[in-house]
Amino acid sequence: MGLLFLAAYDTAGARLPWNPDADDRIDSLLANTNGIRVSGSFAQVDGTDANQFAILGDDGAALTVLEGGMPPRVSTMIEVDGGFCMGANSAFIISGQIGNSIGCLDDDLNWLW
């Protein structure tokens, strides 16, 4: 089961104001220097249409959304050289290309493989 609300805390345990304000649960999160990638069952993040995927800034605001959205039920995202890979519960199509449960995108959300 995913998280409906996310929160951030500093090293002293104080809650930070970071909140992506997703309208439904978040199933997977991956943070790196290019932003915080979130996927889940949400349709909006930070008031922006996101269709199950967004890259967030460190303030929780949506920086990038994927045109057409993300495949259903992305359960895992891992960082790889030049981008990230994701695992989904079924085959999916992004930018007209079919992925068979696993796909990798670069930091600009173009297919790596």
C-alpha atoms as a PDB file:
ATOM      1  CA  MET A   1       0.000   0.000   0.000  1.00  0.00           C
ATOM      2  CA  GLY A   2       1.355   3.426  -0.911  1.00  0.00           C
ATOM      3  CA  LEU A   3       1.559   6.618   1.065  1.00  0.00           C
ATOM      4  CA  LEU A   4      -1.155   9.218   0.638  1.00  0.00           C
ATOM      5  CA  PHE A   5       0.865  11.959   2.292  1.00  0.00           C
ATOM      6  CA  LEU A   6       4.611  12.471   2.412  1.00  0.00           C
ATOM      7  CA  ALA A   7       6.574  14.479   4.930  1.00  0.00           C
ATOM      8  CA  ALA A   8      10.201  15.541   5.258  1.00  0.00           C
ATOM      9  CA  TYR A   9      12.226  15.980   8.441  1.00  0.00           C
ATOM     10  CA  ASP A  10      15.584  17.563   9.123  1.00  0.00           C
ATOM     11  CA  THR A  11      18.391  15.722  10.915  1.00  0.00           C
ATOM     12  CA  ALA A  12      17.168  17.011  14.296  1.00  0.00           C
ATOM     13  CA  GLY A  13      13.733  15.483  13.691  1.00  0.00           C
ATOM     14  CA  ALA A  14      11.866  18.738  13.017  1.00  0.00           C
ATOM     15  CA  ARG A  15       9.229  18.504  10.290  1.00  0.00           C
ATOM     16  CA  LEU A  16       9.989  20.563   7.188  1.00  0.00           C
ATOM     17  CA  PRO A  17       7.285  22.303   5.123  1.00  0.00           C
ATOM     18  CA  TRP A  18       7.960  20.027   2.101  1.00  0.00           C
ATOM     19  CA  ASN A  19       4.686  18.557   0.815  1.00  0.00           C
ATOM     20  CA  PRO A  20       3.960  17.491  -2.783  1.00  0.00           C
ATOM     21  CA  ASP A  21       0.204  17.511  -2.042  1.00  0.00           C
ATOM     22  CA  ALA A  22      -0.629  14.417  -4.118  1.00  0.00           C
ATOM     23  CA  ASP A  23      -4.354  13.733  -4.518  1.00  0.00           C
ATOM     24  CA  ASP A  24      -3.895   9.965  -4.057  1.00  0.00           C
ATOM     25  CA  ARG A  25      -1.241   7.568  -2.812  1.00  0.00           C
ATOM     26  CA  ILE A  26       2.458   7.554  -3.726  1.00  0.00           C
ATOM     27  CA  ASP A  27       3.900   4.067  -4.257  1.00  0.00           C
ATOM     28  CA  SER A  28       7.519   4.788  -5.155  1.00  0.00           C
ATOM     29  CA  LEU A  29       9.996   7.587  -4.528  1.00  0.00           C
ATOM     30  CA  LEU A  30      13.527   8.141  -5.877  1.00  0.00           C
ATOM     31  CA  ALA A  31      15.592  11.204  -4.987  1.00  0.00           C
ATOM     32  CA  ASN A  32      18.799  12.412  -6.617  1.00  0.00           C
ATOM     33  CA  THR A  33      20.392  15.702  -7.649  1.00  0.00           C
ATOM     34  CA  ASN A  34      17.935  16.041 -10.572  1.00  0.00           C
ATOM     35  CA  GLY A  35      14.844  16.041  -8.341  1.00  0.00           C
ATOM     36  CA  ILE A  36      12.580  13.704  -6.433  1.00  0.00           C
ATOM     37  CA  ARG A  37      10.725  11.250  -8.670  1.00  0.00           C
ATOM     38  CA  VAL A  38       7.388  10.008  -7.363  1.00  0.00           C
ATOM     39  CA  SER A  39       4.970   7.518  -8.889  1.00  0.00           C
ATOM     40  CA  GLY A  40       1.657   6.227  -7.663  1.00  0.00           C
ATOM     41  CA  SER A  41      -2.099   6.379  -8.141  1.00  0.00           C
ATOM     42  CA  PHE A  42      -2.353  10.177  -8.086  1.00  0.00           C
ATOM     43  CA  ALA A  43      -3.739  12.343 -10.887  1.00  0.00           C
ATOM     44  CA  GLN A  44      -2.308  15.616  -9.542  1.00  0.00           C
ATOM     45  CA  VAL A  45       0.741  16.714  -7.571  1.00  0.00           C
ATOM     46  CA  ASP A  46       1.104  20.259  -6.254  1.00  0.00           C
ATOM     47  CA  GLY A  47      -2.021  21.220  -8.238  1.00  0.00           C
ATOM     48  CA  THR A  48      -0.436  20.062 -11.529  1.00  0.00           C
ATOM     49  CA  ASP A  49      -1.894  17.243 -13.660  1.00  0.00           C
ATOM     50  CA  ALA A  50       0.674  14.475 -13.263  1.00  0.00           C
ATOM     51  CA  ASN A  51      -1.047  11.148 -14.106  1.00  0.00           C
ATOM     52  CA  GLN A  52       0.914   8.824 -11.819  1.00  0.00           C
ATOM     53  CA  PHE A  53       4.405  10.363 -12.185  1.00  0.00           C
ATOM     54  CA  ALA A  54       6.175  13.634 -11.403  1.00  0.00           C
ATOM     55  CA  ILE A  55       9.623  14.971 -10.677  1.00  0.00           C
ATOM     56  CA  LEU A  56       9.492  17.281  -7.677  1.00  0.00           C
ATOM     57  CA  GLY A  57      11.794  20.007  -6.445  1.00  0.00           C
ATOM     58  CA  ASP A  58      13.125  20.014  -2.910  1.00  0.00           C
ATOM     59  CA  ASP A  59      10.217  22.309  -1.971  1.00  0.00           C
ATOM     60  CA  GLY A  60       7.626  19.701  -3.094  1.00  0.00           C
ATOM     61  CA  ALA A  61       6.595  21.656  -6.201  1.00  0.00           C
ATOM     62  CA  ALA A  62       6.132  19.692  -9.428  1.00  0.00           C
ATOM     63  CA  LEU A  63       9.071  20.411 -11.755  1.00  0.00           C
ATOM     64  CA  THR A  64       8.277  17.923 -14.533  1.00  0.00           C
ATOM     65  CA  VAL A  65       5.405  15.642 -15.435  1.00  0.00           C
ATOM     66  CA  LEU A  66       5.506  12.901 -18.060  1.00  0.00           C
ATOM     67  CA  GLU A  67       3.235  13.554 -21.048  1.00  0.00           C
ATOM     68  CA  GLY A  68       0.600  10.824 -21.046  1.00  0.00           C
ATOM     69  CA  GLY A  69       1.555   9.706 -17.557  1.00  0.00           C
ATOM     70  CA  MET A  70       3.323   6.667 -16.218  1.00  0.00           C
ATOM     71  CA  PRO A  71       2.325   3.009 -16.458  1.00  0.00           C
ATOM     72  CA  PRO A  72      -0.019   1.668 -13.815  1.00  0.00           C
ATOM     73  CA  ARG A  73       1.460   0.524 -10.533  1.00  0.00           C
ATOM     74  CA  VAL A  74       5.125   1.437 -10.861  1.00  0.00           C
ATOM     75  CA  SER A  75       6.332  -0.219  -7.691  1.00  0.00           C
ATOM     76  CA  THR A  76      10.082   0.314  -7.904  1.00  0.00           C
ATOM     77  CA  MET A  77      12.452   2.961  -9.242  1.00  0.00           C
ATOM     78  CA  ILE A  78      16.249   2.746  -9.085  1.00  0.00           C
ATOM     79  CA  GLU A  79      18.907   5.176 -10.245  1.00  0.00           C
ATOM     80  CA  VAL A  80      21.200   4.112 -13.086  1.00  0.00           C
ATOM     81  CA  ASP A  81      23.954   5.943 -14.937  1.00  0.00           C
ATOM     82  CA  GLY A  82      22.233   8.753 -16.861  1.00  0.00           C
ATOM     83  CA  GLY A  83      18.714   8.156 -15.590  1.00  0.00           C
ATOM     84  CA  PHE A  84      16.509   5.684 -13.771  1.00  0.00           C
ATOM     85  CA  CYS A  85      14.790   2.343 -14.265  1.00  0.00           C
ATOM     86  CA  MET A  86      11.317   1.410 -13.106  1.00  0.00           C
ATOM     87  CA  GLY A  87       9.426  -1.788 -12.576  1.00  0.00           C
ATOM     88  CA  ALA A  88       5.680  -2.015 -13.167  1.00  0.00           C
ATOM     89  CA  ASN A  89       3.103  -4.750 -12.693  1.00  0.00           C
ATOM     90  CA  SER A  90       2.298  -4.875 -16.418  1.00  0.00           C
ATOM     91  CA  ALA A  91       3.514  -3.850 -19.856  1.00  0.00           C
ATOM     92  CA  PHE A  92       3.242  -0.128 -20.603  1.00  0.00           C
ATOM     93  CA  ILE A  93       3.707   2.485 -23.323  1.00  0.00           C
ATOM     94  CA  ILE A  94       5.657   5.734 -22.875  1.00  0.00           C
ATOM     95  CA  SER A  95       6.228   8.072 -25.819  1.00  0.00           C
ATOM     96  CA  GLY A  96       4.913   5.389 -28.191  1.00  0.00           C
ATOM     97  CA  GLN A  97       7.440   2.769 -27.059  1.00  0.00           C
ATOM     98  CA  ILE A  98       6.403  -0.442 -25.297  1.00  0.00           C
ATOM     99  CA  GLY A  99       8.078  -1.577 -22.082  1.00  0.00           C
ATOM    100  CA  ASN A 100       7.534  -5.073 -20.735  1.00  0.00           C
ATOM    101  CA  SER A 101       7.268  -4.452 -16.973  1.00  0.00           C
ATOM    102  CA  ILE A 102      10.744  -2.820 -16.844  1.00  0.00           C
ATOM    103  CA  GLY A 103      11.915   0.344 -18.543  1.00  0.00           C
ATOM    104  CA  CYS A 104      14.689   2.890 -18.176  1.00  0.00           C
ATOM    105  CA  LEU A 105      14.468   6.614 -18.894  1.00  0.00           C
ATOM    106  CA  ASP A 106      17.152   9.281 -18.945  1.00  0.00           C
ATOM    107  CA  ASP A 107      16.961  12.419 -16.800  1.00  0.00           C
ATOM    108  CA  ASP A 108      15.005  14.174 -19.595  1.00  0.00           C
ATOM    109  CA  LEU A 109      12.447  11.301 -19.587  1.00  0.00           C
ATOM    110  CA  ASN A 110      13.589   9.801 -22.903  1.00  0.00           C
ATOM    111  CA  TRP A 111      13.967   6.028 -23.244  1.00  0.00           C
ATOM    112  CA  LEU A 112      17.365   4.529 -22.422  1.00  0.00           C
ATOM    113  CA  TRP A 113      16.082   0.982 -23.071  1.00  0.00           C
END
